Structures are given as C-alpha cells and as structure tokens.
Amino acid sequence: MHVHVQSQNGEAKFWLEPTIELSQHYNLSPREINAALRLVQEYENDIRNAWRKHFLG
C-alpha cells in the first residue's frame, strides 16, 4: 500500500506498510518532503480507506 504526493515542484511516493516511509521522490526539497510526510501521517486513515476502496472495491 502506497500513496503518491505531488506538488508544483515534484512528487514523492510513500509506503504505508509496514510503516509510513519515503520510497522515492523527484525534485522536492527536504522541507517539502517533510511537509508531505506530515500530511500522509495526519491523513493516514483516510488514505488507507480510499486505497482499499479504490483497489479492493
């Protein structure tokens, strides 16, 4: 399970399992990566539910 985060400058992919972890990023500063990580952590349950609904029906 993973999520992609995009900004006008670039994007990042975070694994959600077994723990939230940066997988890769393109053209994001450390500050932007940290901001994205905080958002993923804050909305983890919503992201997981949306992922399950999308991929598992």
N, C-alpha and C. Protein backbone atom coordinates (compact mmCIF):
# COMPACT_ATOMS: atom_id res chain seq x y z
N MET A 1 0.85 -1.16 0.00
CA MET A 1 0.00 0.00 0.00
C MET A 1 0.90 1.23 0.00
N HIS A 2 0.60 2.16 -0.90
CA HIS A 2 1.42 3.36 -1.01
C HIS A 2 0.56 4.53 -1.47
N VAL A 3 1.13 5.72 -1.38
CA VAL A 3 0.45 6.92 -1.84
C VAL A 3 1.46 7.82 -2.53
N HIS A 4 1.00 8.50 -3.59
CA HIS A 4 1.83 9.47 -4.29
C HIS A 4 1.39 10.86 -3.86
N VAL A 5 2.35 11.73 -3.64
CA VAL A 5 2.09 13.11 -3.26
C VAL A 5 2.74 14.00 -4.31
N GLN A 6 1.97 14.92 -4.85
CA GLN A 6 2.51 15.81 -5.88
C GLN A 6 2.42 17.26 -5.45
N SER A 7 3.39 18.04 -5.90
CA SER A 7 3.35 19.49 -5.74
C SER A 7 3.72 20.09 -7.07
N GLN A 8 3.72 21.39 -7.15
CA GLN A 8 4.09 22.02 -8.42
C GLN A 8 5.56 21.81 -8.74
N ASN A 9 6.37 21.45 -7.74
CA ASN A 9 7.79 21.27 -7.94
C ASN A 9 8.21 19.83 -8.24
N GLY A 10 7.43 18.86 -7.79
CA GLY A 10 7.83 17.47 -7.97
C GLY A 10 6.85 16.54 -7.31
N GLU A 11 7.33 15.35 -6.98
CA GLU A 11 6.45 14.36 -6.36
C GLU A 11 7.23 13.40 -5.49
N ALA A 12 6.48 12.69 -4.65
CA ALA A 12 7.07 11.69 -3.76
C ALA A 12 6.12 10.51 -3.65
N LYS A 13 6.68 9.36 -3.34
CA LYS A 13 5.90 8.15 -3.10
C LYS A 13 6.23 7.68 -1.69
N PHE A 14 5.19 7.41 -0.91
CA PHE A 14 5.36 6.91 0.46
C PHE A 14 4.72 5.55 0.59
N TRP A 15 5.46 4.61 1.15
CA TRP A 15 4.89 3.32 1.54
C TRP A 15 4.07 3.55 2.80
N LEU A 16 2.97 2.85 2.92
CA LEU A 16 2.14 2.94 4.12
C LEU A 16 2.32 1.73 5.03
N GLU A 17 2.87 0.67 4.49
CA GLU A 17 3.06 -0.55 5.28
C GLU A 17 4.46 -1.09 5.07
N PRO A 18 5.09 -1.62 6.08
CA PRO A 18 4.54 -1.82 7.42
C PRO A 18 4.46 -0.52 8.22
N THR A 19 5.24 0.49 7.86
CA THR A 19 5.14 1.81 8.46
C THR A 19 5.25 2.85 7.36
N ILE A 20 4.85 4.07 7.64
CA ILE A 20 4.95 5.14 6.65
C ILE A 20 6.42 5.45 6.43
N GLU A 21 6.84 5.37 5.17
CA GLU A 21 8.25 5.55 4.82
C GLU A 21 8.36 6.10 3.41
N LEU A 22 9.27 7.04 3.22
CA LEU A 22 9.51 7.59 1.89
C LEU A 22 10.11 6.52 1.00
N SER A 23 9.51 6.30 -0.15
CA SER A 23 10.01 5.32 -1.10
C SER A 23 10.95 6.00 -2.09
N GLN A 24 10.46 7.10 -2.66
CA GLN A 24 11.27 7.84 -3.63
C GLN A 24 10.70 9.23 -3.78
N HIS A 25 11.48 10.12 -4.32
CA HIS A 25 10.99 11.47 -4.59
C HIS A 25 11.72 12.04 -5.79
N TYR A 26 11.09 13.01 -6.40
CA TYR A 26 11.66 13.68 -7.55
C TYR A 26 11.50 15.18 -7.38
N ASN A 27 12.62 15.87 -7.33
CA ASN A 27 12.66 17.33 -7.37
C ASN A 27 11.95 18.01 -6.20
N LEU A 28 11.95 17.39 -5.02
CA LEU A 28 11.39 18.01 -3.83
C LEU A 28 12.51 18.32 -2.84
N SER A 29 12.38 19.45 -2.18
CA SER A 29 13.35 19.83 -1.16
C SER A 29 13.07 19.03 0.11
N PRO A 30 14.03 18.96 1.01
CA PRO A 30 13.78 18.30 2.30
C PRO A 30 12.58 18.89 3.03
N ARG A 31 12.39 20.18 2.94
CA ARG A 31 11.24 20.83 3.60
C ARG A 31 9.93 20.32 2.99
N GLU A 32 9.87 20.21 1.66
CA GLU A 32 8.66 19.71 1.01
C GLU A 32 8.41 18.25 1.33
N ILE A 33 9.46 17.46 1.40
CA ILE A 33 9.30 16.04 1.76
C ILE A 33 8.75 15.92 3.17
N ASN A 34 9.29 16.70 4.10
CA ASN A 34 8.79 16.66 5.48
C ASN A 34 7.34 17.11 5.57
N ALA A 35 6.97 18.12 4.80
CA ALA A 35 5.58 18.59 4.80
C ALA A 35 4.66 17.49 4.25
N ALA A 36 5.10 16.83 3.19
CA ALA A 36 4.31 15.74 2.62
C ALA A 36 4.18 14.59 3.61
N LEU A 37 5.26 14.26 4.28
CA LEU A 37 5.23 13.19 5.28
C LEU A 37 4.24 13.52 6.39
N ARG A 38 4.24 14.75 6.86
CA ARG A 38 3.29 15.15 7.90
C ARG A 38 1.85 15.01 7.42
N LEU A 39 1.59 15.37 6.17
CA LEU A 39 0.23 15.22 5.63
C LEU A 39 -0.18 13.75 5.54
N VAL A 40 0.73 12.92 5.07
CA VAL A 40 0.43 11.48 4.98
C VAL A 40 0.15 10.93 6.37
N GLN A 41 0.94 11.32 7.35
CA GLN A 41 0.73 10.85 8.72
C GLN A 41 -0.61 11.35 9.27
N GLU A 42 -0.93 12.61 9.00
CA GLU A 42 -2.16 13.19 9.51
C GLU A 42 -3.40 12.54 8.91
N TYR A 43 -3.33 12.20 7.63
CA TYR A 43 -4.48 11.65 6.93
C TYR A 43 -4.34 10.16 6.64
N GLU A 44 -3.52 9.48 7.41
CA GLU A 44 -3.24 8.07 7.16
C GLU A 44 -4.50 7.22 7.06
N ASN A 45 -5.41 7.36 8.00
CA ASN A 45 -6.62 6.53 7.97
C ASN A 45 -7.47 6.81 6.74
N ASP A 46 -7.62 8.08 6.36
CA ASP A 46 -8.38 8.42 5.17
C ASP A 46 -7.71 7.86 3.91
N ILE A 47 -6.39 7.95 3.85
CA ILE A 47 -5.65 7.43 2.69
C ILE A 47 -5.82 5.92 2.59
N ARG A 48 -5.68 5.23 3.71
CA ARG A 48 -5.84 3.77 3.72
C ARG A 48 -7.24 3.36 3.26
N ASN A 49 -8.25 4.06 3.78
CA ASN A 49 -9.64 3.74 3.40
C ASN A 49 -9.87 3.99 1.91
N ALA A 50 -9.36 5.09 1.39
CA ALA A 50 -9.51 5.39 -0.04
C ALA A 50 -8.76 4.38 -0.88
N TRP A 51 -7.59 3.97 -0.43
CA TRP A 51 -6.80 2.98 -1.17
C TRP A 51 -7.57 1.67 -1.25
N ARG A 52 -8.10 1.22 -0.12
CA ARG A 52 -8.85 -0.05 -0.10
C ARG A 52 -10.09 0.04 -0.99
N LYS A 53 -10.79 1.16 -0.91
CA LYS A 53 -11.99 1.32 -1.73
C LYS A 53 -11.65 1.30 -3.21
N HIS A 54 -10.58 1.95 -3.58
CA HIS A 54 -10.18 2.02 -4.99
C HIS A 54 -9.68 0.68 -5.52
N PHE A 55 -8.81 0.01 -4.75
CA PHE A 55 -8.17 -1.20 -5.26
C PHE A 55 -8.91 -2.49 -4.91
N LEU A 56 -9.70 -2.47 -3.86
CA LEU A 56 -10.38 -3.70 -3.45
C LEU A 56 -11.88 -3.64 -3.68
N GLY A 57 -12.36 -2.48 -4.09
CA GLY A 57 -13.78 -2.32 -4.41
C GLY A 57 -14.60 -2.22 -3.20
